[in-house]
Amino acid sequence: MEKWECTVCGHIYDPATGDTATAIDPQTPFDDLPDEWTCPECGAEKDTFEMI
């Protein structure tokens, strides 16, 4: 699975680890994140992330 980077603050979303700050389970692909999910570091919207 690809990692995704927030273009605002540089936070990396890694599907292998999920996002414990917002109760996203490990192995959750970026495309399966809820539309209202935001960056846990800066609060940027999901559409500010780019695949790296």
C-alpha atoms as a PDB file:
ATOM      1  CA  MET A   1       0.000   0.000   0.000  1.00  0.00           C
ATOM      2  CA  GLU A   2       1.166   3.484  -0.855  1.00  0.00           C
ATOM      3  CA  LYS A   3       1.965   6.132   1.725  1.00  0.00           C
ATOM      4  CA  TRP A   4       0.365   9.580   1.499  1.00  0.00           C
ATOM      5  CA  GLU A   5       1.877  12.929   2.513  1.00  0.00           C
ATOM      6  CA  CYS A   6       0.040  16.030   3.726  1.00  0.00           C
ATOM      7  CA  THR A   7       1.118  18.886   1.459  1.00  0.00           C
ATOM      8  CA  VAL A   8       0.482  21.376   4.267  1.00  0.00           C
ATOM      9  CA  CYS A   9       2.598  19.952   7.104  1.00  0.00           C
ATOM     10  CA  GLY A  10       4.380  16.882   5.714  1.00  0.00           C
ATOM     11  CA  HIS A  11       2.568  14.311   7.899  1.00  0.00           C
ATOM     12  CA  ILE A  12       2.764  10.823   6.366  1.00  0.00           C
ATOM     13  CA  TYR A  13      -0.274   8.539   6.405  1.00  0.00           C
ATOM     14  CA  ASP A  14       0.995   4.957   6.301  1.00  0.00           C
ATOM     15  CA  PRO A  15      -1.789   2.420   5.746  1.00  0.00           C
ATOM     16  CA  ALA A  16       0.316  -0.274   7.435  1.00  0.00           C
ATOM     17  CA  THR A  17      -0.007   1.546  10.756  1.00  0.00           C
ATOM     18  CA  GLY A  18      -3.313   3.369  10.262  1.00  0.00           C
ATOM     19  CA  ASP A  19      -3.977   6.443  12.388  1.00  0.00           C
ATOM     20  CA  THR A  20      -4.292   5.789  16.097  1.00  0.00           C
ATOM     21  CA  ALA A  21      -5.117   9.464  16.782  1.00  0.00           C
ATOM     22  CA  THR A  22      -8.417   9.093  14.916  1.00  0.00           C
ATOM     23  CA  ALA A  23      -9.087   5.364  15.498  1.00  0.00           C
ATOM     24  CA  ILE A  24      -8.212   4.273  11.944  1.00  0.00           C
ATOM     25  CA  ASP A  25      -7.185   0.620  12.039  1.00  0.00           C
ATOM     26  CA  PRO A  26      -3.899  -0.623  10.567  1.00  0.00           C
ATOM     27  CA  GLN A  27      -4.141  -1.899   6.980  1.00  0.00           C
ATOM     28  CA  THR A  28      -6.738   0.772   6.077  1.00  0.00           C
ATOM     29  CA  PRO A  29      -6.041   2.045   2.539  1.00  0.00           C
ATOM     30  CA  PHE A  30      -6.058   5.829   2.115  1.00  0.00           C
ATOM     31  CA  ASP A  31      -9.016   5.601  -0.275  1.00  0.00           C
ATOM     32  CA  ASP A  32     -11.037   3.885   2.464  1.00  0.00           C
ATOM     33  CA  LEU A  33     -10.570   6.718   4.968  1.00  0.00           C
ATOM     34  CA  PRO A  34     -13.802   8.610   5.677  1.00  0.00           C
ATOM     35  CA  ASP A  35     -14.279  11.748   3.565  1.00  0.00           C
ATOM     36  CA  GLU A  36     -14.359  13.831   6.754  1.00  0.00           C
ATOM     37  CA  TRP A  37     -10.972  12.469   7.932  1.00  0.00           C
ATOM     38  CA  THR A  38      -8.400  15.229   8.420  1.00  0.00           C
ATOM     39  CA  CYS A  39      -4.658  15.321   8.993  1.00  0.00           C
ATOM     40  CA  PRO A  40      -4.003  14.479  12.658  1.00  0.00           C
ATOM     41  CA  GLU A  41      -1.098  16.954  12.723  1.00  0.00           C
ATOM     42  CA  CYS A  42      -2.549  20.117  11.162  1.00  0.00           C
ATOM     43  CA  GLY A  43      -6.223  19.413  10.442  1.00  0.00           C
ATOM     44  CA  ALA A  44      -5.887  19.726   6.652  1.00  0.00           C
ATOM     45  CA  GLU A  45      -8.578  17.995   4.613  1.00  0.00           C
ATOM     46  CA  LYS A  46      -8.035  14.615   3.000  1.00  0.00           C
ATOM     47  CA  ASP A  47      -7.717  16.121  -0.496  1.00  0.00           C
ATOM     48  CA  THR A  48      -4.508  17.935   0.501  1.00  0.00           C
ATOM     49  CA  PHE A  49      -2.643  14.594   0.646  1.00  0.00           C
ATOM     50  CA  GLU A  50      -0.539  13.279  -2.220  1.00  0.00           C
ATOM     51  CA  MET A  51       0.662   9.743  -2.799  1.00  0.00           C
ATOM     52  CA  ILE A  52       4.417   9.349  -2.304  1.00  0.00           C
END
